[in-house]
Amino acid sequence: MVVRQETYPGAGVPTAPAAFTAAVAGLRAARLRPEVSCEEMPAPQRIAPFSSALSADVTVDDTDVATGRIILLHDPDGNDAWDGTFRMVAYVRAEIEPDLAGDPLLAGVGWTWLTDALDASGAEYSHESGTVTCVTTESFGSMADESGTAQVEVRASWSPAVDADGVPDTVPHVEAWGDLLCAAAGLEPVPEGVAVLPSRRGQRGPR
């Protein structure tokens, strides 16, 4: 898998800083569950001078049950809202049973999927923020025979801790995002002590 590095066109920074290059290397090194197919995607170019992004699907029995993306942002000059120079941005969407969409506890549970995954992976972070949204679809008229559908969406961002050289260890953050995808998809956690095999990276065709 090749992780694309994006910069502002004409930003006057032709070479990516060493800290960003090292952080991108962590994106490549992360190990995800075999149900997760991961590949590069174009990163946004107007949020930060440097960015890199991954997208992924969770597939069970040849059916995609969850999808998401994670973006690494870097501003060498720092960002007050981030309280640092790096920011992780994540998005996850998964199908759920329609009767679960009305559960008032679901949004809180969805946020816990994220924080539990970050803590379990050993990721160090701060200034986390985000939303959890439940979306339901009902069919009417000539489509009334079609069953309703429901989805849960988690949108979040957080600031990864950096070492003495200003470099974040992005590996646990990406692995936490992978675990969030699987939790949203309803997969059981991997038992403690069981090795996680590398995911099927870069096997999807262009969309």
N, C-alpha and C. Protein backbone atom coordinates (compact mmCIF):
# COMPACT_ATOMS: atom_id res chain seq x y z
N MET A 1 0.83 -1.19 0.00
CA MET A 1 0.00 0.00 0.00
C MET A 1 0.87 1.24 0.00
N VAL A 2 0.55 2.19 -0.87
CA VAL A 2 1.27 3.45 -0.91
C VAL A 2 0.36 4.52 -0.34
N VAL A 3 0.84 5.24 0.64
CA VAL A 3 0.06 6.30 1.25
C VAL A 3 0.44 7.61 0.60
N ARG A 4 -0.53 8.23 -0.02
CA ARG A 4 -0.26 9.47 -0.75
C ARG A 4 -0.07 10.63 0.21
N GLN A 5 0.91 11.47 -0.08
CA GLN A 5 1.14 12.67 0.69
C GLN A 5 0.70 13.86 -0.13
N GLU A 6 -0.14 14.73 0.47
CA GLU A 6 -0.68 15.87 -0.25
C GLU A 6 -0.15 17.17 0.37
N THR A 7 0.07 18.17 -0.45
CA THR A 7 0.43 19.49 0.03
C THR A 7 -0.40 20.51 -0.71
N TYR A 8 -0.46 21.71 -0.15
CA TYR A 8 -1.13 22.79 -0.86
C TYR A 8 -0.42 23.09 -2.17
N PRO A 9 -1.15 23.23 -3.26
CA PRO A 9 -0.50 23.70 -4.48
C PRO A 9 0.05 25.10 -4.26
N GLY A 10 1.30 25.30 -4.58
CA GLY A 10 1.88 26.63 -4.43
C GLY A 10 2.08 27.05 -2.99
N ALA A 11 2.10 26.10 -2.07
CA ALA A 11 2.22 26.45 -0.66
C ALA A 11 3.62 26.89 -0.31
N GLY A 12 4.59 26.69 -1.20
CA GLY A 12 5.95 27.10 -0.92
C GLY A 12 6.69 26.13 -0.04
N VAL A 13 6.15 24.92 0.13
CA VAL A 13 6.81 23.90 0.93
C VAL A 13 6.96 22.66 0.05
N PRO A 14 7.98 22.61 -0.83
CA PRO A 14 8.08 21.53 -1.81
C PRO A 14 8.42 20.18 -1.21
N THR A 15 9.06 20.18 -0.07
CA THR A 15 9.48 18.93 0.55
C THR A 15 8.75 18.74 1.87
N ALA A 16 8.18 17.56 2.06
CA ALA A 16 7.48 17.28 3.30
C ALA A 16 8.44 17.27 4.47
N PRO A 17 8.07 17.86 5.61
CA PRO A 17 8.94 17.84 6.79
C PRO A 17 9.21 16.41 7.24
N ALA A 18 10.36 16.22 7.86
CA ALA A 18 10.74 14.88 8.31
C ALA A 18 9.72 14.31 9.29
N ALA A 19 9.15 15.17 10.15
CA ALA A 19 8.17 14.69 11.13
C ALA A 19 6.94 14.13 10.43
N PHE A 20 6.51 14.79 9.37
CA PHE A 20 5.34 14.32 8.63
C PHE A 20 5.65 13.01 7.91
N THR A 21 6.82 12.93 7.29
CA THR A 21 7.22 11.72 6.59
C THR A 21 7.26 10.53 7.54
N ALA A 22 7.78 10.76 8.74
CA ALA A 22 7.84 9.69 9.73
C ALA A 22 6.44 9.28 10.18
N ALA A 23 5.56 10.26 10.33
CA ALA A 23 4.19 9.96 10.74
C ALA A 23 3.45 9.17 9.68
N VAL A 24 3.68 9.49 8.40
CA VAL A 24 3.07 8.74 7.30
C VAL A 24 3.58 7.30 7.28
N ALA A 25 4.84 7.11 7.62
CA ALA A 25 5.38 5.75 7.69
C ALA A 25 4.59 4.91 8.69
N GLY A 26 4.12 5.54 9.75
CA GLY A 26 3.30 4.84 10.74
C GLY A 26 1.97 4.38 10.16
N LEU A 27 1.41 5.18 9.25
CA LEU A 27 0.18 4.75 8.59
C LEU A 27 0.39 3.44 7.84
N ARG A 28 1.54 3.33 7.20
CA ARG A 28 1.85 2.11 6.44
C ARG A 28 2.09 0.91 7.35
N ALA A 29 2.63 1.17 8.54
CA ALA A 29 3.04 0.08 9.42
C ALA A 29 1.90 -0.49 10.25
N ALA A 30 0.77 0.19 10.31
CA ALA A 30 -0.34 -0.28 11.14
C ALA A 30 -0.85 -1.63 10.66
N ARG A 31 -1.25 -2.47 11.61
CA ARG A 31 -1.78 -3.80 11.30
C ARG A 31 -3.27 -3.82 11.62
N LEU A 32 -4.08 -4.16 10.63
CA LEU A 32 -5.52 -4.19 10.79
C LEU A 32 -6.04 -5.62 10.66
N ARG A 33 -7.24 -5.84 11.16
CA ARG A 33 -7.83 -7.16 11.10
C ARG A 33 -8.04 -7.60 9.64
N PRO A 34 -8.04 -8.92 9.38
CA PRO A 34 -8.16 -9.39 7.99
C PRO A 34 -9.49 -9.03 7.35
N GLU A 35 -10.51 -8.69 8.16
CA GLU A 35 -11.79 -8.29 7.57
C GLU A 35 -11.73 -6.88 6.97
N VAL A 36 -10.65 -6.16 7.25
CA VAL A 36 -10.53 -4.77 6.83
C VAL A 36 -9.67 -4.67 5.57
N SER A 37 -10.25 -4.16 4.49
CA SER A 37 -9.51 -3.89 3.26
C SER A 37 -9.18 -2.41 3.23
N CYS A 38 -7.90 -2.07 3.17
CA CYS A 38 -7.45 -0.69 3.33
C CYS A 38 -6.63 -0.26 2.12
N GLU A 39 -6.80 1.00 1.72
CA GLU A 39 -6.04 1.53 0.60
C GLU A 39 -5.90 3.05 0.74
N GLU A 40 -5.03 3.63 -0.07
CA GLU A 40 -4.86 5.07 -0.05
C GLU A 40 -6.06 5.75 -0.67
N MET A 41 -6.26 7.01 -0.33
CA MET A 41 -7.27 7.84 -0.96
C MET A 41 -6.74 9.26 -1.03
N PRO A 42 -7.25 10.08 -1.94
CA PRO A 42 -6.80 11.47 -2.00
C PRO A 42 -7.09 12.18 -0.69
N ALA A 43 -6.10 12.89 -0.18
CA ALA A 43 -6.26 13.61 1.08
C ALA A 43 -6.74 15.03 0.81
N PRO A 44 -7.50 15.62 1.72
CA PRO A 44 -7.94 17.01 1.53
C PRO A 44 -6.74 17.95 1.51
N GLN A 45 -6.82 18.98 0.68
CA GLN A 45 -5.67 19.86 0.50
C GLN A 45 -5.89 21.26 1.06
N ARG A 46 -7.03 21.52 1.68
CA ARG A 46 -7.31 22.87 2.15
C ARG A 46 -7.44 22.98 3.66
N ILE A 47 -7.19 21.88 4.35
CA ILE A 47 -7.31 21.91 5.80
C ILE A 47 -5.96 22.17 6.46
N ALA A 48 -4.91 21.59 5.89
CA ALA A 48 -3.56 21.73 6.45
C ALA A 48 -2.55 21.68 5.31
N PRO A 49 -1.35 22.23 5.51
CA PRO A 49 -0.34 22.20 4.45
C PRO A 49 0.05 20.80 4.01
N PHE A 50 0.00 19.82 4.92
CA PHE A 50 0.37 18.45 4.58
C PHE A 50 -0.71 17.51 5.10
N SER A 51 -1.06 16.51 4.31
CA SER A 51 -2.08 15.55 4.72
C SER A 51 -1.89 14.23 4.00
N SER A 52 -2.37 13.18 4.62
CA SER A 52 -2.30 11.84 4.04
C SER A 52 -3.54 11.09 4.53
N ALA A 53 -4.08 10.21 3.70
CA ALA A 53 -5.36 9.59 4.04
C ALA A 53 -5.45 8.14 3.62
N LEU A 54 -6.24 7.39 4.36
CA LEU A 54 -6.56 6.00 4.05
C LEU A 54 -8.07 5.83 4.05
N SER A 55 -8.55 4.90 3.25
CA SER A 55 -9.95 4.50 3.31
C SER A 55 -10.00 2.99 3.52
N ALA A 56 -11.12 2.50 4.05
CA ALA A 56 -11.22 1.07 4.32
C ALA A 56 -12.67 0.62 4.30
N ASP A 57 -12.86 -0.65 3.97
CA ASP A 57 -14.15 -1.32 4.09
C ASP A 57 -13.97 -2.53 4.99
N VAL A 58 -14.99 -2.84 5.75
CA VAL A 58 -15.03 -4.09 6.51
C VAL A 58 -15.95 -5.04 5.76
N THR A 59 -15.42 -6.20 5.40
CA THR A 59 -16.17 -7.17 4.59
C THR A 59 -16.35 -8.46 5.36
N VAL A 60 -17.60 -8.91 5.44
CA VAL A 60 -17.94 -10.17 6.09
C VAL A 60 -18.80 -10.97 5.12
N ASP A 61 -18.37 -12.19 4.81
CA ASP A 61 -19.11 -13.04 3.87
C ASP A 61 -19.36 -12.32 2.55
N ASP A 62 -18.32 -11.67 2.05
CA ASP A 62 -18.38 -10.97 0.76
C ASP A 62 -19.33 -9.78 0.75
N THR A 63 -19.71 -9.30 1.92
CA THR A 63 -20.60 -8.14 2.02
C THR A 63 -19.90 -7.03 2.80
N ASP A 64 -19.89 -5.82 2.26
CA ASP A 64 -19.32 -4.69 2.98
C ASP A 64 -20.30 -4.25 4.06
N VAL A 65 -19.86 -4.30 5.31
CA VAL A 65 -20.74 -3.97 6.43
C VAL A 65 -20.37 -2.65 7.10
N ALA A 66 -19.21 -2.11 6.77
CA ALA A 66 -18.81 -0.81 7.32
C ALA A 66 -17.76 -0.20 6.40
N THR A 67 -17.69 1.10 6.42
CA THR A 67 -16.71 1.82 5.61
C THR A 67 -16.20 3.02 6.40
N GLY A 68 -15.03 3.50 6.04
CA GLY A 68 -14.51 4.65 6.78
C GLY A 68 -13.24 5.19 6.15
N ARG A 69 -12.75 6.26 6.74
CA ARG A 69 -11.50 6.86 6.30
C ARG A 69 -10.83 7.51 7.51
N ILE A 70 -9.52 7.65 7.40
CA ILE A 70 -8.75 8.35 8.43
C ILE A 70 -7.75 9.25 7.73
N ILE A 71 -7.60 10.45 8.25
CA ILE A 71 -6.75 11.47 7.63
C ILE A 71 -5.75 11.98 8.66
N LEU A 72 -4.51 12.06 8.25
CA LEU A 72 -3.46 12.66 9.06
C LEU A 72 -3.20 14.07 8.53
N LEU A 73 -3.34 15.06 9.39
CA LEU A 73 -3.10 16.45 9.03
C LEU A 73 -1.85 16.96 9.75
N HIS A 74 -1.09 17.81 9.06
CA HIS A 74 0.11 18.38 9.66
C HIS A 74 0.28 19.83 9.24
N ASP A 75 0.43 20.69 10.23
CA ASP A 75 0.74 22.10 10.00
C ASP A 75 2.00 22.42 10.80
N PRO A 76 3.15 22.57 10.13
CA PRO A 76 4.40 22.81 10.85
C PRO A 76 4.36 24.05 11.75
N ASP A 77 3.49 25.01 11.43
CA ASP A 77 3.38 26.22 12.23
C ASP A 77 2.47 26.05 13.44
N GLY A 78 1.83 24.90 13.53
CA GLY A 78 0.94 24.65 14.66
C GLY A 78 -0.46 25.18 14.42
N ASN A 79 -1.39 24.65 15.18
CA ASN A 79 -2.79 25.06 15.09
C ASN A 79 -3.34 25.13 16.50
N ASP A 80 -3.84 26.30 16.88
CA ASP A 80 -4.31 26.48 18.26
C ASP A 80 -5.42 25.51 18.61
N ALA A 81 -6.30 25.23 17.65
CA ALA A 81 -7.41 24.32 17.92
C ALA A 81 -6.93 22.90 18.18
N TRP A 82 -5.80 22.54 17.56
CA TRP A 82 -5.23 21.21 17.76
C TRP A 82 -4.35 21.14 19.00
N ASP A 83 -3.86 22.30 19.44
CA ASP A 83 -2.84 22.37 20.49
C ASP A 83 -1.59 21.59 20.06
N GLY A 84 -1.20 21.78 18.80
CA GLY A 84 -0.03 21.08 18.29
C GLY A 84 0.06 21.23 16.79
N THR A 85 0.85 20.36 16.19
CA THR A 85 1.08 20.43 14.74
C THR A 85 0.45 19.28 13.98
N PHE A 86 -0.13 18.30 14.68
CA PHE A 86 -0.74 17.15 14.03
C PHE A 86 -2.19 16.97 14.49
N ARG A 87 -3.00 16.42 13.60
CA ARG A 87 -4.38 16.11 13.93
C ARG A 87 -4.80 14.87 13.15
N MET A 88 -5.51 13.96 13.83
CA MET A 88 -6.10 12.80 13.18
C MET A 88 -7.59 13.07 13.01
N VAL A 89 -8.12 12.75 11.83
CA VAL A 89 -9.55 12.93 11.55
C VAL A 89 -10.08 11.59 11.04
N ALA A 90 -11.15 11.10 11.65
CA ALA A 90 -11.66 9.78 11.30
C ALA A 90 -13.16 9.83 11.03
N TYR A 91 -13.59 8.95 10.14
CA TYR A 91 -15.00 8.80 9.81
C TYR A 91 -15.30 7.31 9.66
N VAL A 92 -16.43 6.88 10.23
CA VAL A 92 -16.86 5.49 10.14
C VAL A 92 -18.37 5.46 9.92
N ARG A 93 -18.82 4.61 9.01
CA ARG A 93 -20.26 4.42 8.79
C ARG A 93 -20.54 2.93 8.72
N ALA A 94 -21.58 2.48 9.41
CA ALA A 94 -21.91 1.06 9.41
C ALA A 94 -23.42 0.87 9.41
N GLU A 95 -23.86 -0.22 8.78
CA GLU A 95 -25.27 -0.59 8.82
C GLU A 95 -25.60 -1.18 10.19
N ILE A 96 -26.78 -0.84 10.70
CA ILE A 96 -27.24 -1.40 11.98
C ILE A 96 -28.69 -1.84 11.81
N GLU A 97 -29.17 -2.61 12.76
CA GLU A 97 -30.56 -3.02 12.73
C GLU A 97 -31.44 -1.79 12.96
N PRO A 98 -32.51 -1.62 12.15
CA PRO A 98 -33.36 -0.43 12.29
C PRO A 98 -33.89 -0.20 13.70
N ASP A 99 -34.18 -1.28 14.44
CA ASP A 99 -34.73 -1.09 15.77
C ASP A 99 -33.71 -0.54 16.76
N LEU A 100 -32.42 -0.61 16.40
CA LEU A 100 -31.39 -0.05 17.27
C LEU A 100 -31.25 1.45 17.10
N ALA A 101 -31.69 1.98 15.95
CA ALA A 101 -31.49 3.39 15.66
C ALA A 101 -32.21 4.30 16.66
N GLY A 102 -33.29 3.81 17.23
CA GLY A 102 -34.04 4.61 18.18
C GLY A 102 -33.54 4.50 19.61
N ASP A 103 -32.52 3.72 19.84
CA ASP A 103 -31.98 3.54 21.19
C ASP A 103 -31.28 4.83 21.63
N PRO A 104 -31.74 5.49 22.68
CA PRO A 104 -31.11 6.74 23.10
C PRO A 104 -29.68 6.58 23.59
N LEU A 105 -29.27 5.36 23.86
CA LEU A 105 -27.91 5.12 24.34
C LEU A 105 -26.93 4.87 23.20
N LEU A 106 -27.43 4.71 21.98
CA LEU A 106 -26.56 4.31 20.88
C LEU A 106 -25.47 5.33 20.59
N ALA A 107 -25.81 6.61 20.61
CA ALA A 107 -24.80 7.64 20.31
C ALA A 107 -23.66 7.58 21.32
N GLY A 108 -23.99 7.45 22.59
CA GLY A 108 -22.95 7.35 23.60
C GLY A 108 -22.11 6.11 23.45
N VAL A 109 -22.76 5.01 23.09
CA VAL A 109 -22.02 3.77 22.86
C VAL A 109 -21.08 3.94 21.68
N GLY A 110 -21.56 4.61 20.62
CA GLY A 110 -20.73 4.83 19.45
C GLY A 110 -19.47 5.61 19.77
N TRP A 111 -19.60 6.62 20.64
CA TRP A 111 -18.42 7.39 21.03
C TRP A 111 -17.48 6.54 21.87
N THR A 112 -18.05 5.69 22.70
CA THR A 112 -17.22 4.80 23.52
C THR A 112 -16.43 3.82 22.65
N TRP A 113 -17.01 3.40 21.51
CA TRP A 113 -16.24 2.54 20.60
C TRP A 113 -14.91 3.20 20.24
N LEU A 114 -14.97 4.51 19.98
CA LEU A 114 -13.75 5.23 19.60
C LEU A 114 -12.78 5.33 20.75
N THR A 115 -13.23 5.85 21.89
CA THR A 115 -12.31 6.08 23.00
C THR A 115 -11.75 4.77 23.54
N ASP A 116 -12.58 3.73 23.58
CA ASP A 116 -12.09 2.42 24.03
C ASP A 116 -11.03 1.89 23.08
N ALA A 117 -11.25 2.08 21.77
CA ALA A 117 -10.29 1.59 20.78
C ALA A 117 -8.96 2.34 20.90
N LEU A 118 -9.02 3.66 21.08
CA LEU A 118 -7.79 4.44 21.24
C LEU A 118 -7.03 4.00 22.49
N ASP A 119 -7.76 3.84 23.59
CA ASP A 119 -7.10 3.45 24.84
C ASP A 119 -6.53 2.04 24.76
N ALA A 120 -7.28 1.13 24.15
CA ALA A 120 -6.82 -0.26 24.06
C ALA A 120 -5.59 -0.39 23.17
N SER A 121 -5.47 0.47 22.16
CA SER A 121 -4.33 0.39 21.26
C SER A 121 -3.08 1.04 21.84
N GLY A 122 -3.25 1.78 22.93
CA GLY A 122 -2.12 2.48 23.52
C GLY A 122 -1.86 3.83 22.89
N ALA A 123 -2.81 4.34 22.12
CA ALA A 123 -2.63 5.65 21.49
C ALA A 123 -2.69 6.75 22.55
N GLU A 124 -1.77 7.70 22.45
CA GLU A 124 -1.78 8.86 23.33
C GLU A 124 -2.35 10.04 22.56
N TYR A 125 -3.34 10.71 23.15
CA TYR A 125 -4.05 11.74 22.41
C TYR A 125 -4.67 12.76 23.37
N SER A 126 -5.15 13.86 22.79
CA SER A 126 -5.84 14.88 23.56
C SER A 126 -6.77 15.66 22.63
N HIS A 127 -7.56 16.55 23.21
CA HIS A 127 -8.44 17.43 22.44
C HIS A 127 -9.32 16.67 21.46
N GLU A 128 -9.88 15.54 21.94
CA GLU A 128 -10.76 14.76 21.08
C GLU A 128 -12.13 15.45 20.96
N SER A 129 -12.74 15.33 19.81
CA SER A 129 -14.07 15.88 19.59
C SER A 129 -14.74 15.12 18.46
N GLY A 130 -16.06 15.21 18.39
CA GLY A 130 -16.73 14.52 17.31
C GLY A 130 -18.22 14.40 17.52
N THR A 131 -18.86 13.67 16.61
CA THR A 131 -20.30 13.45 16.65
C THR A 131 -20.60 12.00 16.31
N VAL A 132 -21.73 11.53 16.82
CA VAL A 132 -22.27 10.22 16.45
C VAL A 132 -23.69 10.45 15.96
N THR A 133 -23.97 10.00 14.74
CA THR A 133 -25.26 10.24 14.11
C THR A 133 -25.92 8.93 13.72
N CYS A 134 -27.20 8.79 14.01
CA CYS A 134 -27.97 7.63 13.60
C CYS A 134 -28.95 8.07 12.51
N VAL A 135 -28.92 7.37 11.39
CA VAL A 135 -29.75 7.73 10.24
C VAL A 135 -30.66 6.56 9.90
N THR A 136 -31.96 6.83 9.76
CA THR A 136 -32.91 5.79 9.37
C THR A 136 -33.57 6.16 8.05
N THR A 137 -33.92 5.14 7.28
CA THR A 137 -34.59 5.35 5.99
C THR A 137 -35.85 4.50 5.94
N GLU A 138 -36.98 5.14 5.67
CA GLU A 138 -38.26 4.46 5.50
C GLU A 138 -38.72 4.62 4.06
N SER A 139 -39.36 3.59 3.52
CA SER A 139 -39.86 3.62 2.15
C SER A 139 -41.37 3.75 2.13
N PHE A 140 -41.89 4.52 1.16
CA PHE A 140 -43.33 4.78 1.07
C PHE A 140 -43.80 4.63 -0.36
N GLY A 141 -45.12 4.67 -0.53
CA GLY A 141 -45.71 4.59 -1.85
C GLY A 141 -45.40 3.27 -2.52
N SER A 142 -44.96 3.35 -3.77
CA SER A 142 -44.67 2.13 -4.52
C SER A 142 -43.47 1.38 -3.97
N MET A 143 -42.72 2.04 -3.07
CA MET A 143 -41.55 1.40 -2.46
C MET A 143 -41.83 0.92 -1.04
N ALA A 144 -43.10 0.94 -0.64
CA ALA A 144 -43.45 0.63 0.74
C ALA A 144 -43.09 -0.79 1.15
N ASP A 145 -42.97 -1.69 0.18
CA ASP A 145 -42.63 -3.08 0.51
C ASP A 145 -41.17 -3.26 0.88
N GLU A 146 -40.36 -2.25 0.58
CA GLU A 146 -38.93 -2.36 0.91
C GLU A 146 -38.73 -2.10 2.40
N SER A 147 -37.92 -2.93 3.00
CA SER A 147 -37.68 -2.79 4.44
C SER A 147 -36.83 -1.55 4.74
N GLY A 148 -37.03 -1.00 5.92
CA GLY A 148 -36.27 0.17 6.33
C GLY A 148 -34.81 -0.17 6.60
N THR A 149 -33.97 0.82 6.53
CA THR A 149 -32.55 0.64 6.82
C THR A 149 -32.11 1.67 7.85
N ALA A 150 -30.97 1.40 8.49
CA ALA A 150 -30.43 2.32 9.48
C ALA A 150 -28.91 2.25 9.45
N GLN A 151 -28.29 3.37 9.72
CA GLN A 151 -26.84 3.46 9.76
C GLN A 151 -26.41 4.28 10.96
N VAL A 152 -25.24 3.99 11.45
CA VAL A 152 -24.61 4.82 12.47
C VAL A 152 -23.33 5.40 11.87
N GLU A 153 -23.10 6.68 12.10
CA GLU A 153 -21.92 7.36 11.60
C GLU A 153 -21.17 7.99 12.76
N VAL A 154 -19.87 7.77 12.79
CA VAL A 154 -18.99 8.37 13.79
C VAL A 154 -18.01 9.28 13.07
N ARG A 155 -18.01 10.55 13.44
CA ARG A 155 -17.05 11.51 12.90
C ARG A 155 -16.26 12.06 14.08
N ALA A 156 -14.95 11.98 14.03
CA ALA A 156 -14.15 12.37 15.18
C ALA A 156 -12.79 12.90 14.75
N SER A 157 -12.20 13.68 15.63
CA SER A 157 -10.83 14.12 15.43
C SER A 157 -10.16 14.24 16.79
N TRP A 158 -8.85 14.11 16.79
CA TRP A 158 -8.09 14.20 18.03
C TRP A 158 -6.64 14.53 17.69
N SER A 159 -5.91 15.01 18.69
CA SER A 159 -4.51 15.39 18.50
C SER A 159 -3.61 14.30 19.06
N PRO A 160 -2.81 13.66 18.21
CA PRO A 160 -1.91 12.62 18.71
C PRO A 160 -0.74 13.23 19.47
N ALA A 161 -0.31 12.57 20.52
CA ALA A 161 0.87 13.03 21.25
C ALA A 161 2.11 12.85 20.38
N VAL A 162 3.11 13.69 20.58
CA VAL A 162 4.34 13.61 19.80
C VAL A 162 5.52 13.36 20.74
N ASP A 163 6.61 12.84 20.17
CA ASP A 163 7.81 12.58 20.96
C ASP A 163 8.69 13.82 21.00
N ALA A 164 9.91 13.66 21.52
CA ALA A 164 10.81 14.80 21.68
C ALA A 164 11.18 15.44 20.35
N ASP A 165 11.06 14.69 19.26
CA ASP A 165 11.37 15.21 17.93
C ASP A 165 10.13 15.76 17.22
N GLY A 166 9.00 15.79 17.94
CA GLY A 166 7.78 16.31 17.35
C GLY A 166 7.08 15.35 16.42
N VAL A 167 7.35 14.04 16.57
CA VAL A 167 6.78 13.03 15.67
C VAL A 167 5.75 12.20 16.44
N PRO A 168 4.53 12.07 15.93
CA PRO A 168 3.54 11.20 16.57
C PRO A 168 3.72 9.75 16.14
N ASP A 169 3.46 8.83 17.03
CA ASP A 169 3.44 7.41 16.67
C ASP A 169 2.03 7.13 16.14
N THR A 170 1.87 7.16 14.84
CA THR A 170 0.54 7.03 14.26
C THR A 170 0.04 5.59 14.17
N VAL A 171 0.90 4.62 14.39
CA VAL A 171 0.50 3.22 14.29
C VAL A 171 -0.71 2.91 15.17
N PRO A 172 -0.67 3.18 16.49
CA PRO A 172 -1.83 2.82 17.32
C PRO A 172 -3.09 3.59 16.97
N HIS A 173 -2.93 4.78 16.42
CA HIS A 173 -4.11 5.57 16.05
C HIS A 173 -4.83 4.94 14.86
N VAL A 174 -4.08 4.48 13.88
CA VAL A 174 -4.68 3.81 12.73
C VAL A 174 -5.28 2.47 13.15
N GLU A 175 -4.59 1.75 14.01
CA GLU A 175 -5.11 0.47 14.47
C GLU A 175 -6.39 0.67 15.28
N ALA A 176 -6.47 1.75 16.06
CA ALA A 176 -7.70 2.06 16.80
C ALA A 176 -8.84 2.36 15.84
N TRP A 177 -8.55 3.10 14.78
CA TRP A 177 -9.57 3.37 13.76
C TRP A 177 -10.08 2.06 13.14
N GLY A 178 -9.16 1.13 12.88
CA GLY A 178 -9.57 -0.17 12.36
C GLY A 178 -10.47 -0.91 13.33
N ASP A 179 -10.14 -0.83 14.63
CA ASP A 179 -10.99 -1.48 15.64
C ASP A 179 -12.34 -0.79 15.74
N LEU A 180 -12.37 0.53 15.58
CA LEU A 180 -13.63 1.26 15.57
C LEU A 180 -14.51 0.79 14.42
N LEU A 181 -13.92 0.63 13.23
CA LEU A 181 -14.66 0.12 12.09
C LEU A 181 -15.30 -1.24 12.41
N CYS A 182 -14.52 -2.12 13.02
CA CYS A 182 -15.02 -3.45 13.31
C CYS A 182 -16.08 -3.44 14.41
N ALA A 183 -15.91 -2.57 15.39
CA ALA A 183 -16.92 -2.46 16.45
C ALA A 183 -18.24 -1.96 15.88
N ALA A 184 -18.17 -0.95 15.00
CA ALA A 184 -19.38 -0.42 14.39
C ALA A 184 -20.06 -1.47 13.52
N ALA A 185 -19.25 -2.34 12.92
CA ALA A 185 -19.79 -3.40 12.07
C ALA A 185 -20.36 -4.56 12.88
N GLY A 186 -20.18 -4.52 14.20
CA GLY A 186 -20.72 -5.57 15.05
C GLY A 186 -19.84 -6.78 15.21
N LEU A 187 -18.56 -6.69 14.81
CA LEU A 187 -17.66 -7.82 14.96
C LEU A 187 -17.19 -7.94 16.41
N GLU A 188 -17.01 -9.16 16.84
CA GLU A 188 -16.52 -9.41 18.19
C GLU A 188 -15.05 -8.98 18.29
N PRO A 189 -14.62 -8.43 19.42
CA PRO A 189 -13.20 -8.06 19.58
C PRO A 189 -12.31 -9.29 19.46
N VAL A 190 -11.09 -9.06 19.00
CA VAL A 190 -10.11 -10.15 18.95
C VAL A 190 -9.70 -10.49 20.37
N PRO A 191 -9.77 -11.76 20.77
CA PRO A 191 -9.40 -12.14 22.13
C PRO A 191 -7.97 -11.74 22.45
N GLU A 192 -7.74 -11.36 23.70
CA GLU A 192 -6.40 -10.97 24.13
C GLU A 192 -5.43 -12.13 23.94
N GLY A 193 -4.27 -11.81 23.38
CA GLY A 193 -3.26 -12.83 23.16
C GLY A 193 -3.31 -13.45 21.78
N VAL A 194 -4.36 -13.14 21.01
CA VAL A 194 -4.47 -13.66 19.65
C VAL A 194 -3.84 -12.67 18.69
N ALA A 195 -2.93 -13.13 17.85
CA ALA A 195 -2.24 -12.25 16.91
C ALA A 195 -3.19 -11.78 15.83
N VAL A 196 -3.04 -10.52 15.44
CA VAL A 196 -3.84 -9.95 14.36
C VAL A 196 -3.04 -10.03 13.06
N LEU A 197 -3.61 -10.65 12.05
CA LEU A 197 -2.94 -10.77 10.76
C LEU A 197 -3.06 -9.46 9.99
N PRO A 198 -2.14 -9.18 9.10
CA PRO A 198 -2.24 -7.96 8.29
C PRO A 198 -3.50 -7.98 7.45
N SER A 199 -4.06 -6.79 7.20
CA SER A 199 -5.26 -6.69 6.39
C SER A 199 -4.89 -6.81 4.91
N ARG A 200 -5.94 -6.95 4.10
CA ARG A 200 -5.77 -7.04 2.66
C ARG A 200 -5.65 -5.63 2.11
N ARG A 201 -4.46 -5.12 2.04
CA ARG A 201 -4.25 -3.73 1.65
C ARG A 201 -4.07 -3.59 0.15
N GLY A 202 -4.67 -2.54 -0.37
CA GLY A 202 -4.48 -2.20 -1.75
C GLY A 202 -5.07 -3.19 -2.75
N GLN A 203 -6.03 -4.04 -2.32
CA GLN A 203 -6.58 -5.04 -3.21
C GLN A 203 -7.84 -4.57 -3.91
N ARG A 204 -8.38 -3.43 -3.53
CA ARG A 204 -9.58 -2.95 -4.18
C ARG A 204 -9.22 -2.16 -5.43
N GLY A 205 -10.05 -2.24 -6.42
CA GLY A 205 -9.83 -1.49 -7.64
C GLY A 205 -10.24 -0.06 -7.47
N PRO A 206 -9.89 0.82 -8.45
CA PRO A 206 -10.28 2.22 -8.39
C PRO A 206 -11.79 2.36 -8.40
N ARG A 207 -12.28 3.39 -7.70
CA ARG A 207 -13.71 3.63 -7.65
C ARG A 207 -14.03 4.89 -8.42
